[in-house]
């Protein structure tokens, strides 16, 4: 089923312009960059809650590091579909879990708890995660696994921060 869903994502809604746009957009999530930037900018702008922003930003970094360790332990290879090569490069040939999804959902959950609006954060997280399947560099289950990992780490930060 995973491969079937991937094949649908790789064959629907594609064209040169959309593929270039999605590949550019997806680069925002490389190594959690956009999420780390959001956290650092928020910490700089909100002196009163700077410790909260630092904890939330550290959570994104933890998600990336834990994701990397899991990839090395699990060693699932990236998808290879006949006639449908991946549309983006990747730092490694390892696929599970998706670091884009892990950092995105860790960031969305942590930063919404810290005070940013949840809807745009989760929209960004879901879009970055989906871009990886569209580009053919992750199976849908890789994205789901990364999203669950990130959300779980976000929950951990919530417990430490307490209710708003």
C-alpha atoms as a PDB file:
ATOM      1  CA  UNK A   1       0.000   0.000   0.000  1.00  0.00           C
ATOM      2  CA  UNK A   2       2.879   2.359   0.820  1.00  0.00           C
ATOM      3  CA  UNK A   3       4.301   1.982  -2.672  1.00  0.00           C
ATOM      4  CA  UNK A   4       0.863   2.421  -4.258  1.00  0.00           C
ATOM      5  CA  UNK A   5       0.307   5.702  -2.419  1.00  0.00           C
ATOM      6  CA  UNK A   6       3.769   6.851  -3.405  1.00  0.00           C
ATOM      7  CA  UNK A   7       3.075   6.003  -7.041  1.00  0.00           C
ATOM      8  CA  UNK A   8      -0.139   8.064  -6.950  1.00  0.00           C
ATOM      9  CA  UNK A   9       1.753  11.010  -5.439  1.00  0.00           C
ATOM     10  CA  UNK A  10       4.446  10.706  -8.103  1.00  0.00           C
ATOM     11  CA  UNK A  11       2.021  10.576 -11.050  1.00  0.00           C
ATOM     12  CA  UNK A  12      -0.713  13.104 -10.144  1.00  0.00           C
ATOM     13  CA  UNK A  13      -0.373  16.875 -10.349  1.00  0.00           C
ATOM     14  CA  UNK A  14       3.067  16.860 -11.912  1.00  0.00           C
ATOM     15  CA  UNK A  15       4.540  19.161 -14.491  1.00  0.00           C
ATOM     16  CA  UNK A  16       7.886  20.924 -14.867  1.00  0.00           C
ATOM     17  CA  UNK A  17       6.767  24.138 -13.145  1.00  0.00           C
ATOM     18  CA  UNK A  18       5.071  22.417 -10.203  1.00  0.00           C
ATOM     19  CA  UNK A  19       7.994  20.035  -9.712  1.00  0.00           C
ATOM     20  CA  UNK A  20      10.470  22.939  -9.611  1.00  0.00           C
ATOM     21  CA  UNK A  21       8.248  24.885  -7.203  1.00  0.00           C
ATOM     22  CA  UNK A  22       7.771  21.941  -4.845  1.00  0.00           C
ATOM     23  CA  UNK A  23      11.500  21.130  -4.912  1.00  0.00           C
ATOM     24  CA  UNK A  24      12.360  24.762  -4.010  1.00  0.00           C
ATOM     25  CA  UNK A  25       9.726  24.820  -1.274  1.00  0.00           C
ATOM     26  CA  UNK A  26      10.920  21.500   0.139  1.00  0.00           C
ATOM     27  CA  UNK A  27      14.443  22.878   0.574  1.00  0.00           C
ATOM     28  CA  UNK A  28      13.103  25.112   3.369  1.00  0.00           C
ATOM     29  CA  UNK A  29      12.815  22.004   5.517  1.00  0.00           C
ATOM     30  CA  UNK A  30      16.348  20.711   4.951  1.00  0.00           C
ATOM     31  CA  UNK A  31      17.927  19.937   8.335  1.00  0.00           C
ATOM     32  CA  UNK A  32      14.971  21.703  10.011  1.00  0.00           C
ATOM     33  CA  UNK A  33      16.265  25.065   8.751  1.00  0.00           C
ATOM     34  CA  UNK A  34      12.957  26.927   8.488  1.00  0.00           C
ATOM     35  CA  UNK A  35      11.884  25.654  11.912  1.00  0.00           C
ATOM     36  CA  UNK A  36      15.158  26.603  13.565  1.00  0.00           C
ATOM     37  CA  UNK A  37      14.898  30.052  11.959  1.00  0.00           C
ATOM     38  CA  UNK A  38      11.342  30.525  13.270  1.00  0.00           C
ATOM     39  CA  UNK A  39      12.463  29.599  16.777  1.00  0.00           C
ATOM     40  CA  UNK A  40      15.562  31.777  16.757  1.00  0.00           C
ATOM     41  CA  UNK A  41      13.691  34.787  15.364  1.00  0.00           C
ATOM     42  CA  UNK A  42      10.911  34.320  17.912  1.00  0.00           C
ATOM     43  CA  UNK A  43      13.457  34.133  20.740  1.00  0.00           C
ATOM     44  CA  UNK A  44      15.106  37.325  19.501  1.00  0.00           C
ATOM     45  CA  UNK A  45      11.783  39.161  19.183  1.00  0.00           C
ATOM     46  CA  UNK A  46      10.167  37.965  22.432  1.00  0.00           C
ATOM     47  CA  UNK A  47      12.579  38.680  25.273  1.00  0.00           C
ATOM     48  CA  UNK A  48       9.971  37.963  27.923  1.00  0.00           C
ATOM     49  CA  UNK A  49       9.524  34.344  26.800  1.00  0.00           C
ATOM     50  CA  UNK A  50      13.002  33.758  25.436  1.00  0.00           C
ATOM     51  CA  UNK A  51      13.574  30.647  27.610  1.00  0.00           C
ATOM     52  CA  UNK A  52      10.350  29.122  26.249  1.00  0.00           C
ATOM     53  CA  UNK A  53      11.443  29.828  22.663  1.00  0.00           C
ATOM     54  CA  UNK A  54      14.867  28.343  23.345  1.00  0.00           C
ATOM     55  CA  UNK A  55      13.302  25.138  24.712  1.00  0.00           C
ATOM     56  CA  UNK A  56      10.965  24.918  21.731  1.00  0.00           C
ATOM     57  CA  UNK A  57      13.822  25.510  19.278  1.00  0.00           C
ATOM     58  CA  UNK A  58      15.977  22.941  21.061  1.00  0.00           C
ATOM     59  CA  UNK A  59      13.106  20.507  20.594  1.00  0.00           C
ATOM     60  CA  UNK A  60      13.353  20.922  16.811  1.00  0.00           C
ATOM     61  CA  UNK A  61      17.085  20.221  17.005  1.00  0.00           C
ATOM     62  CA  UNK A  62      16.407  17.145  19.166  1.00  0.00           C
ATOM     63  CA  UNK A  63      13.871  15.916  16.631  1.00  0.00           C
ATOM     64  CA  UNK A  64      16.468  16.208  13.868  1.00  0.00           C
ATOM     65  CA  UNK A  65      19.150  14.419  15.892  1.00  0.00           C
ATOM     66  CA  UNK A  66      16.876  11.612  17.061  1.00  0.00           C
ATOM     67  CA  UNK A  67      15.530  11.215  13.535  1.00  0.00           C
ATOM     68  CA  UNK A  68      19.079  10.890  12.211  1.00  0.00           C
ATOM     69  CA  UNK A  69      19.907   8.228  14.806  1.00  0.00           C
ATOM     70  CA  UNK A  70      16.752   6.286  13.962  1.00  0.00           C
ATOM     71  CA  UNK A  71      17.602   6.399  10.249  1.00  0.00           C
ATOM     72  CA  UNK A  72      21.016   4.934  10.994  1.00  0.00           C
ATOM     73  CA  UNK A  73      19.479   2.164  13.106  1.00  0.00           C
ATOM     74  CA  UNK A  74      16.566   1.296  10.808  1.00  0.00           C
ATOM     75  CA  UNK A  75      18.442   1.738   7.508  1.00  0.00           C
ATOM     76  CA  UNK A  76      15.375   1.718   5.238  1.00  0.00           C
ATOM     77  CA  UNK A  77      16.437   2.647   1.703  1.00  0.00           C
ATOM     78  CA  UNK A  78      14.802   5.512  -0.170  1.00  0.00           C
ATOM     79  CA  UNK A  79      12.039   4.630  -2.627  1.00  0.00           C
ATOM     80  CA  UNK A  80      12.951   3.437  -6.101  1.00  0.00           C
ATOM     81  CA  UNK A  81      10.050   3.375  -8.559  1.00  0.00           C
ATOM     82  CA  UNK A  82      10.646   2.132 -12.102  1.00  0.00           C
ATOM     83  CA  UNK A  83      10.365   5.046 -14.514  1.00  0.00           C
ATOM     84  CA  UNK A  84       9.805   7.574 -11.711  1.00  0.00           C
ATOM     85  CA  UNK A  85      13.136   8.814 -10.383  1.00  0.00           C
ATOM     86  CA  UNK A  86      13.262  11.036  -7.318  1.00  0.00           C
ATOM     87  CA  UNK A  87      12.917  14.726  -8.135  1.00  0.00           C
ATOM     88  CA  UNK A  88      15.275  15.988  -5.418  1.00  0.00           C
ATOM     89  CA  UNK A  89      18.605  15.072  -3.945  1.00  0.00           C
ATOM     90  CA  UNK A  90      18.949  13.828  -0.376  1.00  0.00           C
ATOM     91  CA  UNK A  91      21.819  13.879   2.110  1.00  0.00           C
ATOM     92  CA  UNK A  92      21.656  10.094   2.565  1.00  0.00           C
ATOM     93  CA  UNK A  93      20.083   7.055   0.961  1.00  0.00           C
ATOM     94  CA  UNK A  94      18.129   6.369   4.157  1.00  0.00           C
ATOM     95  CA  UNK A  95      14.402   6.988   4.297  1.00  0.00           C
ATOM     96  CA  UNK A  96      12.696   6.171   7.612  1.00  0.00           C
ATOM     97  CA  UNK A  97      11.690   8.356   9.366  1.00  0.00           C
ATOM     98  CA  UNK A  98      11.405  11.607   7.420  1.00  0.00           C
ATOM     99  CA  UNK A  99      13.455  14.388   9.021  1.00  0.00           C
ATOM    100  CA  UNK A 100      11.330  17.001   7.241  1.00  0.00           C
ATOM    101  CA  UNK A 101       8.250  15.584   8.963  1.00  0.00           C
ATOM    102  CA  UNK A 102       9.927  15.106  12.346  1.00  0.00           C
ATOM    103  CA  UNK A 103      11.295  18.646  12.558  1.00  0.00           C
ATOM    104  CA  UNK A 104       8.136  20.121  11.058  1.00  0.00           C
ATOM    105  CA  UNK A 105       5.744  18.541  13.516  1.00  0.00           C
ATOM    106  CA  UNK A 106       8.096  19.132  16.454  1.00  0.00           C
ATOM    107  CA  UNK A 107       8.273  22.779  15.430  1.00  0.00           C
ATOM    108  CA  UNK A 108       4.553  23.177  14.802  1.00  0.00           C
ATOM    109  CA  UNK A 109       3.622  21.636  18.133  1.00  0.00           C
ATOM    110  CA  UNK A 110       6.299  23.391  20.182  1.00  0.00           C
ATOM    111  CA  UNK A 111       5.872  26.817  18.609  1.00  0.00           C
ATOM    112  CA  UNK A 112       2.096  26.752  18.803  1.00  0.00           C
ATOM    113  CA  UNK A 113       2.449  25.990  22.517  1.00  0.00           C
ATOM    114  CA  UNK A 114       4.883  28.885  22.813  1.00  0.00           C
ATOM    115  CA  UNK A 115       2.343  31.305  21.372  1.00  0.00           C
ATOM    116  CA  UNK A 116       2.356  31.274  17.563  1.00  0.00           C
ATOM    117  CA  UNK A 117      -0.861  30.503  15.709  1.00  0.00           C
ATOM    118  CA  UNK A 118      -1.235  26.744  15.277  1.00  0.00           C
ATOM    119  CA  UNK A 119      -3.050  26.610  11.926  1.00  0.00           C
ATOM    120  CA  UNK A 120      -0.288  28.193   9.780  1.00  0.00           C
ATOM    121  CA  UNK A 121       2.380  26.160  11.576  1.00  0.00           C
ATOM    122  CA  UNK A 122       0.593  22.872  10.963  1.00  0.00           C
ATOM    123  CA  UNK A 123      -0.180  23.859   7.375  1.00  0.00           C
ATOM    124  CA  UNK A 124       3.537  24.485   6.816  1.00  0.00           C
ATOM    125  CA  UNK A 125       4.418  21.214   8.572  1.00  0.00           C
ATOM    126  CA  UNK A 126       1.961  19.171   6.513  1.00  0.00           C
ATOM    127  CA  UNK A 127       3.014  20.840   3.260  1.00  0.00           C
ATOM    128  CA  UNK A 128       6.726  20.293   3.833  1.00  0.00           C
ATOM    129  CA  UNK A 129       6.069  16.690   4.802  1.00  0.00           C
ATOM    130  CA  UNK A 130       3.871  16.008   1.763  1.00  0.00           C
ATOM    131  CA  UNK A 131       6.458  17.574  -0.523  1.00  0.00           C
ATOM    132  CA  UNK A 132       8.813  14.707   0.265  1.00  0.00           C
ATOM    133  CA  UNK A 133       6.362  12.117  -1.046  1.00  0.00           C
ATOM    134  CA  UNK A 134       5.509  14.280  -4.093  1.00  0.00           C
ATOM    135  CA  UNK A 135       9.231  14.461  -4.893  1.00  0.00           C
ATOM    136  CA  UNK A 136       9.602  10.701  -4.480  1.00  0.00           C
ATOM    137  CA  UNK A 137      12.243  10.769  -1.748  1.00  0.00           C
ATOM    138  CA  UNK A 138      10.031   9.270   0.987  1.00  0.00           C
ATOM    139  CA  UNK A 139       7.314   6.694   1.313  1.00  0.00           C
ATOM    140  CA  UNK A 140       4.126   7.948   2.990  1.00  0.00           C
ATOM    141  CA  UNK A 141       4.953   5.788   6.035  1.00  0.00           C
ATOM    142  CA  UNK A 142       8.305   7.595   6.368  1.00  0.00           C
ATOM    143  CA  UNK A 143       6.423  10.868   6.644  1.00  0.00           C
ATOM    144  CA  UNK A 144       3.903   9.434   9.087  1.00  0.00           C
ATOM    145  CA  UNK A 145       6.701   8.043  11.258  1.00  0.00           C
ATOM    146  CA  UNK A 146       8.532  11.373  11.250  1.00  0.00           C
ATOM    147  CA  UNK A 147       5.344  13.292  12.040  1.00  0.00           C
ATOM    148  CA  UNK A 148       4.580  11.020  15.003  1.00  0.00           C
ATOM    149  CA  UNK A 149       8.143  11.351  16.282  1.00  0.00           C
ATOM    150  CA  UNK A 150       8.031  15.149  16.040  1.00  0.00           C
ATOM    151  CA  UNK A 151       4.609  15.406  17.642  1.00  0.00           C
ATOM    152  CA  UNK A 152       5.714  13.131  20.494  1.00  0.00           C
ATOM    153  CA  UNK A 153       8.744  15.309  21.159  1.00  0.00           C
ATOM    154  CA  UNK A 154       6.492  18.388  21.045  1.00  0.00           C
ATOM    155  CA  UNK A 155       4.272  16.785  23.674  1.00  0.00           C
ATOM    156  CA  UNK A 156       7.333  16.298  25.866  1.00  0.00           C
ATOM    157  CA  UNK A 157       8.090  20.008  25.664  1.00  0.00           C
ATOM    158  CA  UNK A 158       4.466  20.814  26.500  1.00  0.00           C
ATOM    159  CA  UNK A 159       4.715  18.847  29.720  1.00  0.00           C
ATOM    160  CA  UNK A 160       7.891  20.704  30.685  1.00  0.00           C
ATOM    161  CA  UNK A 161       6.415  24.101  29.782  1.00  0.00           C
ATOM    162  CA  UNK A 162       3.066  23.411  31.393  1.00  0.00           C
ATOM    163  CA  UNK A 163      -0.264  24.811  30.248  1.00  0.00           C
ATOM    164  CA  UNK A 164      -0.555  28.220  28.634  1.00  0.00           C
END
